[in-house]
PDB file of N, CA and C in Angstrom:
ATOM      1  N   MET A   1     -21.861  27.195  10.971  1.00  0.00           N
ATOM      2  CA  MET A   1     -20.879  26.366  11.468  1.00  0.00           C
ATOM      3  C   MET A   1     -20.741  24.962  10.924  1.00  0.00           C
ATOM      4  N   HIS A   2     -21.985  24.483  10.800  1.00  0.00           N
ATOM      5  CA  HIS A   2     -22.106  23.033  10.162  1.00  0.00           C
ATOM      6  C   HIS A   2     -21.492  22.938   8.774  1.00  0.00           C
ATOM      7  N   TYR A   3     -21.737  24.032   8.028  1.00  0.00           N
ATOM      8  CA  TYR A   3     -21.058  24.066   6.547  1.00  0.00           C
ATOM      9  C   TYR A   3     -19.521  24.045   6.697  1.00  0.00           C
ATOM     10  N   TYR A   4     -18.937  24.858   7.588  1.00  0.00           N
ATOM     11  CA  TYR A   4     -17.541  24.797   7.713  1.00  0.00           C
ATOM     12  C   TYR A   4     -16.990  23.473   8.226  1.00  0.00           C
ATOM     13  N   CYS A   5     -17.634  22.919   9.159  1.00  0.00           N
ATOM     14  CA  CYS A   5     -17.191  21.564   9.578  1.00  0.00           C
ATOM     15  C   CYS A   5     -17.211  20.506   8.524  1.00  0.00           C
ATOM     16  N   VAL A   6     -18.266  20.437   7.672  1.00  0.00           N
ATOM     17  CA  VAL A   6     -18.433  19.627   6.610  1.00  0.00           C
ATOM     18  C   VAL A   6     -17.443  19.915   5.551  1.00  0.00           C
ATOM     19  N   MET A   7     -17.144  21.202   5.244  1.00  0.00           N
ATOM     20  CA  MET A   7     -16.114  21.549   4.217  1.00  0.00           C
ATOM     21  C   MET A   7     -14.836  21.251   4.716  1.00  0.00           C
ATOM     22  N   LEU A   8     -14.501  21.324   5.897  1.00  0.00           N
ATOM     23  CA  LEU A   8     -13.124  20.849   6.434  1.00  0.00           C
ATOM     24  C   LEU A   8     -12.955  19.491   6.256  1.00  0.00           C
ATOM     25  N   ALA A   9     -14.012  18.708   6.670  1.00  0.00           N
ATOM     26  CA  ALA A   9     -13.752  17.210   6.500  1.00  0.00           C
ATOM     27  C   ALA A   9     -13.786  16.873   5.098  1.00  0.00           C
ATOM     28  N   ARG A  10     -14.342  17.525   4.240  1.00  0.00           N
ATOM     29  CA  ARG A  10     -14.390  17.232   2.928  1.00  0.00           C
ATOM     30  C   ARG A  10     -12.899  17.484   2.209  1.00  0.00           C
ATOM     31  N   MET A  11     -12.380  18.644   2.577  1.00  0.00           N
ATOM     32  CA  MET A  11     -11.150  18.847   2.164  1.00  0.00           C
ATOM     33  C   MET A  11      -9.972  18.062   2.751  1.00  0.00           C
ATOM     34  N   THR A  12     -10.204  17.583   3.955  1.00  0.00           N
ATOM     35  CA  THR A  12      -9.437  16.542   4.474  1.00  0.00           C
ATOM     36  C   THR A  12      -9.267  15.357   3.729  1.00  0.00           C
ATOM     37  N   ILE A  13     -10.506  14.791   3.582  1.00  0.00           N
ATOM     38  CA  ILE A  13     -10.481  13.594   2.624  1.00  0.00           C
ATOM     39  C   ILE A  13      -9.906  13.793   1.265  1.00  0.00           C
ATOM     40  N   ASP A  14     -10.186  14.809   0.625  1.00  0.00           N
ATOM     41  CA  ASP A  14      -9.677  15.183  -0.692  1.00  0.00           C
ATOM     42  C   ASP A  14      -8.171  15.184  -0.623  1.00  0.00           C
ATOM     43  N   TYR A  15      -7.517  15.780   0.373  1.00  0.00           N
ATOM     44  CA  TYR A  15      -6.219  15.786   0.543  1.00  0.00           C
ATOM     45  C   TYR A  15      -5.619  14.534   0.966  1.00  0.00           C
ATOM     46  N   PHE A  16      -6.197  13.734   1.802  1.00  0.00           N
ATOM     47  CA  PHE A  16      -5.906  12.357   2.093  1.00  0.00           C
ATOM     48  C   PHE A  16      -5.890  11.576   0.867  1.00  0.00           C
ATOM     49  N   ARG A  17      -6.794  11.592   0.077  1.00  0.00           N
ATOM     50  CA  ARG A  17      -7.033  10.825  -1.282  1.00  0.00           C
ATOM     51  C   ARG A  17      -5.970  11.202  -2.322  1.00  0.00           C
ATOM     52  N   SER A  18      -5.382  12.371  -2.280  1.00  0.00           N
ATOM     53  CA  SER A  18      -4.577  13.057  -3.277  1.00  0.00           C
ATOM     54  C   SER A  18      -3.104  12.489  -2.962  1.00  0.00           C
ATOM     55  N   ILE A  19      -2.729  12.399  -1.669  1.00  0.00           N
ATOM     56  CA  ILE A  19      -1.467  11.962  -1.258  1.00  0.00           C
ATOM     57  C   ILE A  19      -1.294  10.327  -1.041  1.00  0.00           C
ATOM     58  N   LEU A  20      -2.384   9.820  -0.759  1.00  0.00           N
ATOM     59  CA  LEU A  20      -2.444   8.395  -0.478  1.00  0.00           C
ATOM     60  C   LEU A  20      -3.368   7.560  -1.411  1.00  0.00           C
ATOM     61  N   CYS A  21      -3.447   7.897  -2.549  1.00  0.00           N
ATOM     62  CA  CYS A  21      -4.442   7.314  -3.522  1.00  0.00           C
ATOM     63  C   CYS A  21      -3.993   5.817  -3.818  1.00  0.00           C
ATOM     64  N   CYS A  22      -4.924   4.843  -3.793  1.00  0.00           N
ATOM     65  CA  CYS A  22      -4.638   3.495  -4.153  1.00  0.00           C
ATOM     66  C   CYS A  22      -5.653   3.195  -5.201  1.00  0.00           C
ATOM     67  N   ARG A  23      -5.353   2.207  -6.147  1.00  0.00           N
ATOM     68  CA  ARG A  23      -6.413   1.939  -7.070  1.00  0.00           C
ATOM     69  C   ARG A  23      -7.772   1.441  -6.710  1.00  0.00           C
ATOM     70  N   GLU A  24      -7.901   0.991  -5.437  1.00  0.00           N
ATOM     71  CA  GLU A  24      -9.259   0.585  -4.900  1.00  0.00           C
ATOM     72  C   GLU A  24     -10.143   1.872  -4.716  1.00  0.00           C
ATOM     73  N   TRP A  25      -9.673   2.912  -4.529  1.00  0.00           N
ATOM     74  CA  TRP A  25     -10.258   4.202  -4.315  1.00  0.00           C
ATOM     75  C   TRP A  25     -10.848   4.883  -5.493  1.00  0.00           C
ATOM     76  N   GLN A  26     -10.505   4.230  -6.720  1.00  0.00           N
ATOM     77  CA  GLN A  26     -10.924   4.876  -8.071  1.00  0.00           C
ATOM     78  C   GLN A  26     -11.764   4.040  -8.686  1.00  0.00           C
ATOM     79  N   SER A  27     -12.873   4.319  -9.215  1.00  0.00           N
ATOM     80  CA  SER A  27     -13.756   3.555  -9.971  1.00  0.00           C
ATOM     81  C   SER A  27     -13.275   3.404 -11.368  1.00  0.00           C
ATOM     82  N   PRO A  28     -13.640   2.416 -12.130  1.00  0.00           N
ATOM     83  CA  PRO A  28     -13.316   2.230 -13.556  1.00  0.00           C
ATOM     84  C   PRO A  28     -13.852   3.408 -14.307  1.00  0.00           C
ATOM     85  N   GLU A  29     -14.897   4.160 -13.862  1.00  0.00           N
ATOM     86  CA  GLU A  29     -15.375   5.363 -14.589  1.00  0.00           C
ATOM     87  C   GLU A  29     -14.663   6.531 -14.134  1.00  0.00           C
ATOM     88  N   ASP A  30     -13.556   6.393 -13.395  1.00  0.00           N
ATOM     89  CA  ASP A  30     -12.773   7.624 -13.046  1.00  0.00           C
ATOM     90  C   ASP A  30     -13.470   8.279 -12.059  1.00  0.00           C
ATOM     91  N   TRP A  31     -14.545   7.846 -11.272  1.00  0.00           N
ATOM     92  CA  TRP A  31     -15.268   8.583 -10.338  1.00  0.00           C
ATOM     93  C   TRP A  31     -14.181   8.665  -9.000  1.00  0.00           C
ATOM     94  N   LYS A  32     -14.338   9.697  -8.296  1.00  0.00           N
ATOM     95  CA  LYS A  32     -13.773   9.861  -7.010  1.00  0.00           C
ATOM     96  C   LYS A  32     -14.267   9.026  -5.869  1.00  0.00           C
ATOM     97  N   CYS A  33     -13.651   8.344  -5.100  1.00  0.00           N
ATOM     98  CA  CYS A  33     -14.252   7.554  -4.025  1.00  0.00           C
ATOM     99  C   CYS A  33     -14.821   8.545  -2.965  1.00  0.00           C
ATOM    100  N   VAL A  34     -15.645   7.912  -2.077  1.00  0.00           N
ATOM    101  CA  VAL A  34     -16.314   8.585  -1.056  1.00  0.00           C
ATOM    102  C   VAL A  34     -15.650   8.080   0.214  1.00  0.00           C
ATOM    103  N   LEU A  35     -15.849   8.763   1.307  1.00  0.00           N
ATOM    104  CA  LEU A  35     -15.339   8.439   2.672  1.00  0.00           C
ATOM    105  C   LEU A  35     -15.721   6.898   3.015  1.00  0.00           C
ATOM    106  N   SER A  36     -16.703   6.561   2.643  1.00  0.00           N
ATOM    107  CA  SER A  36     -17.102   5.057   3.069  1.00  0.00           C
ATOM    108  C   SER A  36     -16.240   4.128   2.361  1.00  0.00           C
ATOM    109  N   THR A  37     -15.734   4.412   1.188  1.00  0.00           N
ATOM    110  CA  THR A  37     -14.730   3.491   0.589  1.00  0.00           C
ATOM    111  C   THR A  37     -13.426   3.603   1.205  1.00  0.00           C
ATOM    112  N   ILE A  38     -12.827   4.674   1.597  1.00  0.00           N
ATOM    113  CA  ILE A  38     -11.661   4.935   2.315  1.00  0.00           C
ATOM    114  C   ILE A  38     -11.717   4.328   3.593  1.00  0.00           C
ATOM    115  N   ARG A  39     -12.932   4.395   4.401  1.00  0.00           N
ATOM    116  CA  ARG A  39     -13.062   3.912   5.729  1.00  0.00           C
ATOM    117  C   ARG A  39     -13.075   2.328   5.747  1.00  0.00           C
ATOM    118  N   THR A  40     -13.737   1.694   4.675  1.00  0.00           N
ATOM    119  CA  THR A  40     -13.734   0.488   4.618  1.00  0.00           C
ATOM    120  C   THR A  40     -12.458  -0.230   4.341  1.00  0.00           C
ATOM    121  N   SER A  41     -11.742   0.438   3.379  1.00  0.00           N
ATOM    122  CA  SER A  41     -10.463  -0.252   3.050  1.00  0.00           C
ATOM    123  C   SER A  41      -9.423   0.003   4.034  1.00  0.00           C
ATOM    124  N   MET A  42      -9.438   1.127   4.949  1.00  0.00           N
ATOM    125  CA  MET A  42      -8.548   1.439   5.924  1.00  0.00           C
ATOM    126  C   MET A  42      -8.838   0.805   7.238  1.00  0.00           C
ATOM    127  N   PHE A  43     -10.136   0.646   7.602  1.00  0.00           N
ATOM    128  CA  PHE A  43     -10.472   0.224   9.181  1.00  0.00           C
ATOM    129  C   PHE A  43     -11.468  -1.024   9.101  1.00  0.00           C
ATOM    130  N   SER A  44     -11.993  -1.289   8.057  1.00  0.00           N
ATOM    131  CA  SER A  44     -12.975  -2.463   8.094  1.00  0.00           C
ATOM    132  C   SER A  44     -12.239  -3.748   8.413  1.00  0.00           C
ATOM    133  N   ASN A  45     -12.740  -4.562   9.412  1.00  0.00           N
ATOM    134  CA  ASN A  45     -12.163  -5.777   9.715  1.00  0.00           C
ATOM    135  C   ASN A  45     -10.619  -5.710  10.194  1.00  0.00           C
ATOM    136  N   GLN A  46     -10.228  -4.626  10.771  1.00  0.00           N
ATOM    137  CA  GLN A  46      -8.941  -4.481  11.128  1.00  0.00           C
ATOM    138  C   GLN A  46      -8.772  -4.564  12.624  1.00  0.00           C
ATOM    139  N   ASN A  47      -7.718  -5.309  13.064  1.00  0.00           N
ATOM    140  CA  ASN A  47      -7.564  -5.317  14.597  1.00  0.00           C
ATOM    141  C   ASN A  47      -6.450  -4.194  14.956  1.00  0.00           C
ATOM    142  N   CYS A  48      -6.639  -3.433  15.777  1.00  0.00           N
ATOM    143  CA  CYS A  48      -5.910  -2.316  16.112  1.00  0.00           C
ATOM    144  C   CYS A  48      -5.696  -2.082  17.690  1.00  0.00           C
ATOM    145  N   GLU A  49      -4.551  -1.502  17.984  1.00  0.00           N
ATOM    146  CA  GLU A  49      -4.172  -1.282  19.395  1.00  0.00           C
ATOM    147  C   GLU A  49      -4.134   0.084  19.439  1.00  0.00           C
ATOM    148  N   LEU A  50      -4.483   0.813  20.487  1.00  0.00           N
ATOM    149  CA  LEU A  50      -4.435   2.172  20.843  1.00  0.00           C
ATOM    150  C   LEU A  50      -3.671   2.310  22.071  1.00  0.00           C
ATOM    151  N   SER A  51      -2.416   3.076  22.032  1.00  0.00           N
ATOM    152  CA  SER A  51      -1.636   3.212  23.246  1.00  0.00           C
ATOM    153  C   SER A  51      -1.113   4.503  23.256  1.00  0.00           C
ATOM    154  N   ARG A  52      -0.097   4.858  24.098  1.00  0.00           N
ATOM    155  CA  ARG A  52       0.633   6.068  24.133  1.00  0.00           C
ATOM    156  C   ARG A  52       2.164   5.753  23.816  1.00  0.00           C
ATOM    157  N   ASP A  53       2.685   6.468  23.081  1.00  0.00           N
ATOM    158  CA  ASP A  53       4.259   6.180  22.803  1.00  0.00           C
ATOM    159  C   ASP A  53       5.037   6.902  23.822  1.00  0.00           C
ATOM    160  N   ASP A  54       6.369   6.838  23.701  1.00  0.00           N
ATOM    161  CA  ASP A  54       7.322   7.428  24.628  1.00  0.00           C
ATOM    162  C   ASP A  54       7.231   9.121  24.831  1.00  0.00           C
ATOM    163  N   SER A  55       6.770   9.655  23.644  1.00  0.00           N
ATOM    164  CA  SER A  55       6.740  10.968  23.482  1.00  0.00           C
ATOM    165  C   SER A  55       5.358  11.497  24.081  1.00  0.00           C
ATOM    166  N   GLY A  56       4.467  10.504  24.365  1.00  0.00           N
ATOM    167  CA  GLY A  56       3.207  10.836  24.915  1.00  0.00           C
ATOM    168  C   GLY A  56       2.078  10.972  23.798  1.00  0.00           C
ATOM    169  N   ASP A  57       2.360  10.756  22.582  1.00  0.00           N
ATOM    170  CA  ASP A  57       1.512  10.922  21.491  1.00  0.00           C
ATOM    171  C   ASP A  57       0.720   9.591  21.430  1.00  0.00           C
ATOM    172  N   LEU A  58      -0.685   9.558  20.983  1.00  0.00           N
ATOM    173  CA  LEU A  58      -1.270   8.523  20.794  1.00  0.00           C
ATOM    174  C   LEU A  58      -0.753   7.483  19.704  1.00  0.00           C
ATOM    175  N   LEU A  59      -0.654   6.277  19.810  1.00  0.00           N
ATOM    176  CA  LEU A  59      -0.021   5.364  18.929  1.00  0.00           C
ATOM    177  C   LEU A  59      -1.143   4.370  18.391  1.00  0.00           C
ATOM    178  N   LEU A  60      -1.470   4.473  17.162  1.00  0.00           N
ATOM    179  CA  LEU A  60      -2.559   3.510  16.713  1.00  0.00           C
ATOM    180  C   LEU A  60      -1.737   2.613  15.818  1.00  0.00           C
ATOM    181  N   THR A  61      -1.755   1.502  16.379  1.00  0.00           N
ATOM    182  CA  THR A  61      -1.066   0.155  15.776  1.00  0.00           C
ATOM    183  C   THR A  61      -1.924  -0.753  15.081  1.00  0.00           C
ATOM    184  N   PHE A  62      -1.773  -0.788  13.672  1.00  0.00           N
ATOM    185  CA  PHE A  62      -2.622  -1.676  12.841  1.00  0.00           C
ATOM    186  C   PHE A  62      -2.095  -3.093  12.918  1.00  0.00           C
ATOM    187  N   LEU A  63      -2.567  -4.213  13.339  1.00  0.00           N
ATOM    188  CA  LEU A  63      -2.081  -5.425  13.546  1.00  0.00           C
ATOM    189  C   LEU A  63      -2.205  -6.482  12.416  1.00  0.00           C
ATOM    190  N   ASP A  64      -2.937  -6.045  11.491  1.00  0.00           N
ATOM    191  CA  ASP A  64      -3.215  -7.032  10.323  1.00  0.00           C
ATOM    192  C   ASP A  64      -2.422  -6.742   9.116  1.00  0.00           C
ATOM    193  N   GLY A  65      -1.303  -6.062   9.098  1.00  0.00           N
ATOM    194  CA  GLY A  65      -0.491  -5.754   8.074  1.00  0.00           C
ATOM    195  C   GLY A  65      -1.031  -4.699   7.131  1.00  0.00           C
ATOM    196  N   ASP A  66      -0.552  -4.427   5.847  1.00  0.00           N
ATOM    197  CA  ASP A  66      -0.780  -3.358   5.056  1.00  0.00           C
ATOM    198  C   ASP A  66      -0.800  -3.878   3.605  1.00  0.00           C
ATOM    199  N   ARG A  67      -1.790  -4.501   3.284  1.00  0.00           N
ATOM    200  CA  ARG A  67      -1.971  -5.105   2.044  1.00  0.00           C
ATOM    201  C   ARG A  67      -1.423  -4.174   0.694  1.00  0.00           C
ATOM    202  N   TYR A  68      -1.831  -2.994   0.857  1.00  0.00           N
ATOM    203  CA  TYR A  68      -1.706  -2.038  -0.374  1.00  0.00           C
ATOM    204  C   TYR A  68      -0.676  -1.013  -0.013  1.00  0.00           C
ATOM    205  N   GLY A  69      -0.174  -1.065   1.250  1.00  0.00           N
ATOM    206  CA  GLY A  69       0.976  -0.114   1.592  1.00  0.00           C
ATOM    207  C   GLY A  69       0.360   1.384   1.935  1.00  0.00           C
ATOM    208  N   VAL A  70      -0.905   1.523   1.979  1.00  0.00           N
ATOM    209  CA  VAL A  70      -1.496   2.749   2.225  1.00  0.00           C
ATOM    210  C   VAL A  70      -1.183   3.179   3.708  1.00  0.00           C
ATOM    211  N   LYS A  71      -1.314   2.197   4.574  1.00  0.00           N
ATOM    212  CA  LYS A  71      -1.118   2.508   6.153  1.00  0.00           C
ATOM    213  C   LYS A  71       0.328   2.898   6.326  1.00  0.00           C
ATOM    214  N   LYS A  72       1.233   2.372   5.676  1.00  0.00           N
ATOM    215  CA  LYS A  72       2.708   2.637   5.726  1.00  0.00           C
ATOM    216  C   LYS A  72       3.070   4.018   5.312  1.00  0.00           C
ATOM    217  N   GLN A  73       2.360   4.477   4.169  1.00  0.00           N
ATOM    218  CA  GLN A  73       2.539   5.766   3.599  1.00  0.00           C
ATOM    219  C   GLN A  73       1.917   6.783   4.489  1.00  0.00           C
ATOM    220  N   LEU A  74       0.776   6.431   5.202  1.00  0.00           N
ATOM    221  CA  LEU A  74       0.131   7.245   6.180  1.00  0.00           C
ATOM    222  C   LEU A  74       0.972   7.604   7.443  1.00  0.00           C
ATOM    223  N   ALA A  75       1.551   6.408   7.846  1.00  0.00           N
ATOM    224  CA  ALA A  75       2.488   6.535   8.932  1.00  0.00           C
ATOM    225  C   ALA A  75       3.631   7.383   8.675  1.00  0.00           C
ATOM    226  N   LYS A  76       4.039   7.278   7.546  1.00  0.00           N
ATOM    227  CA  LYS A  76       5.339   8.095   6.960  1.00  0.00           C
ATOM    228  C   LYS A  76       4.900   9.643   7.049  1.00  0.00           C
ATOM    229  N   ARG A  77       3.576   9.950   6.605  1.00  0.00           N
ATOM    230  CA  ARG A  77       3.255  11.294   6.533  1.00  0.00           C
ATOM    231  C   ARG A  77       3.017  11.844   8.009  1.00  0.00           C
ATOM    232  N   MET A  78       2.473  10.991   8.826  1.00  0.00           N
ATOM    233  CA  MET A  78       2.334  11.513  10.131  1.00  0.00           C
ATOM    234  C   MET A  78       3.667  11.752  10.894  1.00  0.00           C
ATOM    235  N   GLU A  79       4.742  10.994  10.496  1.00  0.00           N
ATOM    236  CA  GLU A  79       5.993  11.244  11.001  1.00  0.00           C
ATOM    237  C   GLU A  79       6.537  12.480  10.664  1.00  0.00           C
ATOM    238  N   GLN A  80       6.340  12.719   9.270  1.00  0.00           N
ATOM    239  CA  GLN A  80       6.796  13.944   8.730  1.00  0.00           C
ATOM    240  C   GLN A  80       6.171  15.209   9.317  1.00  0.00           C
ATOM    241  N   ARG A  81       4.851  15.135   9.723  1.00  0.00           N
ATOM    242  CA  ARG A  81       4.014  16.136  10.303  1.00  0.00           C
ATOM    243  C   ARG A  81       4.682  16.393  11.741  1.00  0.00           C
ATOM    244  N   LYS A  82       5.005  15.210  12.384  1.00  0.00           N
ATOM    245  CA  LYS A  82       5.494  15.250  13.734  1.00  0.00           C
ATOM    246  C   LYS A  82       6.846  16.047  13.686  1.00  0.00           C
ATOM    247  N   ASN A  83       7.683  15.791  12.670  1.00  0.00           N
ATOM    248  CA  ASN A  83       9.066  16.321  12.626  1.00  0.00           C
ATOM    249  C   ASN A  83       8.875  17.896  12.433  1.00  0.00           C
ATOM    250  N   ALA A  84       7.841  18.259  11.687  1.00  0.00           N
ATOM    251  CA  ALA A  84       7.651  19.609  11.239  1.00  0.00           C
ATOM    252  C   ALA A  84       6.786  20.303  12.339  1.00  0.00           C
ATOM    253  N   GLY A  85       6.456  19.624  13.304  1.00  0.00           N
ATOM    254  CA  GLY A  85       5.612  20.308  14.569  1.00  0.00           C
ATOM    255  C   GLY A  85       4.292  20.492  14.129  1.00  0.00           C
ATOM    256  N   LEU A  86       3.748  19.755  13.300  1.00  0.00           N
ATOM    257  CA  LEU A  86       2.333  19.968  12.693  1.00  0.00           C
ATOM    258  C   LEU A  86       1.384  18.837  13.212  1.00  0.00           C
ATOM    259  N   ASN A  87       1.893  17.928  13.955  1.00  0.00           N
ATOM    260  CA  ASN A  87       0.921  16.909  14.406  1.00  0.00           C
ATOM    261  C   ASN A  87       0.597  16.787  15.790  1.00  0.00           C
ATOM    262  N   ARG A  88       0.015  18.029  16.312  1.00  0.00           N
ATOM    263  CA  ARG A  88      -0.445  18.161  17.485  1.00  0.00           C
ATOM    264  C   ARG A  88      -1.981  18.697  17.501  1.00  0.00           C
ATOM    265  N   VAL A  89      -2.762  18.216  18.507  1.00  0.00           N
ATOM    266  CA  VAL A  89      -4.131  18.505  18.433  1.00  0.00           C
ATOM    267  C   VAL A  89      -4.478  19.371  19.656  1.00  0.00           C
ATOM    268  N   SER A  90      -4.812  20.638  19.470  1.00  0.00           N
ATOM    269  CA  SER A  90      -4.810  21.403  20.775  1.00  0.00           C
ATOM    270  C   SER A  90      -5.792  21.033  21.757  1.00  0.00           C
ATOM    271  N   TRP A  91      -7.024  20.614  21.148  1.00  0.00           N
ATOM    272  CA  TRP A  91      -7.960  20.221  22.149  1.00  0.00           C
ATOM    273  C   TRP A  91      -7.762  19.091  22.877  1.00  0.00           C
ATOM    274  N   TRP A  92      -6.763  18.317  22.389  1.00  0.00           N
ATOM    275  CA  TRP A  92      -6.223  17.018  23.156  1.00  0.00           C
ATOM    276  C   TRP A  92      -5.003  17.294  24.139  1.00  0.00           C
ATOM    277  N   GLY A  93      -4.899  18.584  24.337  1.00  0.00           N
ATOM    278  CA  GLY A  93      -3.751  18.958  25.119  1.00  0.00           C
ATOM    279  C   GLY A  93      -2.343  18.852  24.571  1.00  0.00           C
ATOM    280  N   GLY A  94      -2.362  19.115  23.030  1.00  0.00           N
ATOM    281  CA  GLY A  94      -1.141  18.950  22.412  1.00  0.00           C
ATOM    282  C   GLY A  94      -0.767  17.679  22.048  1.00  0.00           C
ATOM    283  N   ILE A  95      -1.441  16.722  22.264  1.00  0.00           N
ATOM    284  CA  ILE A  95      -1.121  15.318  21.959  1.00  0.00           C
ATOM    285  C   ILE A  95      -1.232  15.106  20.429  1.00  0.00           C
ATOM    286  N   GLY A  96      -0.351  14.375  19.759  1.00  0.00           N
ATOM    287  CA  GLY A  96      -0.246  14.005  18.539  1.00  0.00           C
ATOM    288  C   GLY A  96      -0.695  12.683  18.191  1.00  0.00           C
ATOM    289  N   VAL A  97      -0.694  12.266  17.074  1.00  0.00           N
ATOM    290  CA  VAL A  97      -1.143  10.732  16.630  1.00  0.00           C
ATOM    291  C   VAL A  97      -0.003  10.175  15.752  1.00  0.00           C
ATOM    292  N   GLN A  98       0.362   9.007  16.105  1.00  0.00           N
ATOM    293  CA  GLN A  98       1.494   8.264  15.399  1.00  0.00           C
ATOM    294  C   GLN A  98       0.839   6.994  14.917  1.00  0.00           C
ATOM    295  N   ILE A  99       1.258   6.532  13.791  1.00  0.00           N
ATOM    296  CA  ILE A  99       0.682   5.259  13.230  1.00  0.00           C
ATOM    297  C   ILE A  99       1.858   4.196  13.036  1.00  0.00           C
ATOM    298  N   GLU A 100       1.472   2.931  13.484  1.00  0.00           N
ATOM    299  CA  GLU A 100       2.555   1.898  13.266  1.00  0.00           C
ATOM    300  C   GLU A 100       1.866   0.721  12.736  1.00  0.00           C
ATOM    301  N   VAL A 101       2.450  -0.116  11.850  1.00  0.00           N
ATOM    302  CA  VAL A 101       1.917  -1.282  11.219  1.00  0.00           C
ATOM    303  C   VAL A 101       2.626  -2.559  11.480  1.00  0.00           C
ATOM    304  N   LYS A 102       1.883  -3.380  11.956  1.00  0.00           N
ATOM    305  CA  LYS A 102       2.465  -4.719  12.178  1.00  0.00           C
ATOM    306  C   LYS A 102       1.623  -5.776  11.601  1.00  0.00           C
ATOM    307  N   ASN A 103       2.048  -6.937  11.394  1.00  0.00           N
ATOM    308  CA  ASN A 103       1.300  -8.145  10.873  1.00  0.00           C
ATOM    309  C   ASN A 103       1.461  -9.257  11.844  1.00  0.00           C
ATOM    310  N   GLN A 104       0.485  -9.335  12.695  1.00  0.00           N
ATOM    311  CA  GLN A 104       0.537 -10.380  13.681  1.00  0.00           C
ATOM    312  C   GLN A 104       0.423 -11.824  13.303  1.00  0.00           C
ATOM    313  N   TYR A 105       0.184 -11.990  11.950  1.00  0.00           N
ATOM    314  CA  TYR A 105       0.075 -13.398  11.459  1.00  0.00           C
ATOM    315  C   TYR A 105       1.422 -13.597  10.862  1.00  0.00           C
ATOM    316  N   GLN A 106       2.386 -12.785  10.705  1.00  0.00           N
ATOM    317  CA  GLN A 106       3.724 -13.106   9.998  1.00  0.00           C
ATOM    318  C   GLN A 106       4.551 -13.648  11.161  1.00  0.00           C
ATOM    319  N   LEU A 107       5.203 -14.775  10.844  1.00  0.00           N
ATOM    320  CA  LEU A 107       6.049 -15.458  11.764  1.00  0.00           C
ATOM    321  C   LEU A 107       7.520 -14.753  11.642  1.00  0.00           C
TER     322      LEU A 107
END
């Protein structure tokens, strides 16, 4: 079971990187990045809010903007999955996840 969980996680990261690749996730030697690289650029030193939207989905709001545009791309993908009926997690009672990006420092 552990093997399948690890493989599923790895495939998810590979898919994520393939559709949302930014130059910071690729080394000069053309090595693929690892999860810690993605996690650092996506979530490190980020202010976020977690709430529920009008449809009952979890809404993750990034408050510090999106320097590389990756979070906006991710939000777009999550919206596409929602429209296709693929953004529901059964063990959360069918709740989906949506992403929103704001810049709290922009006037």
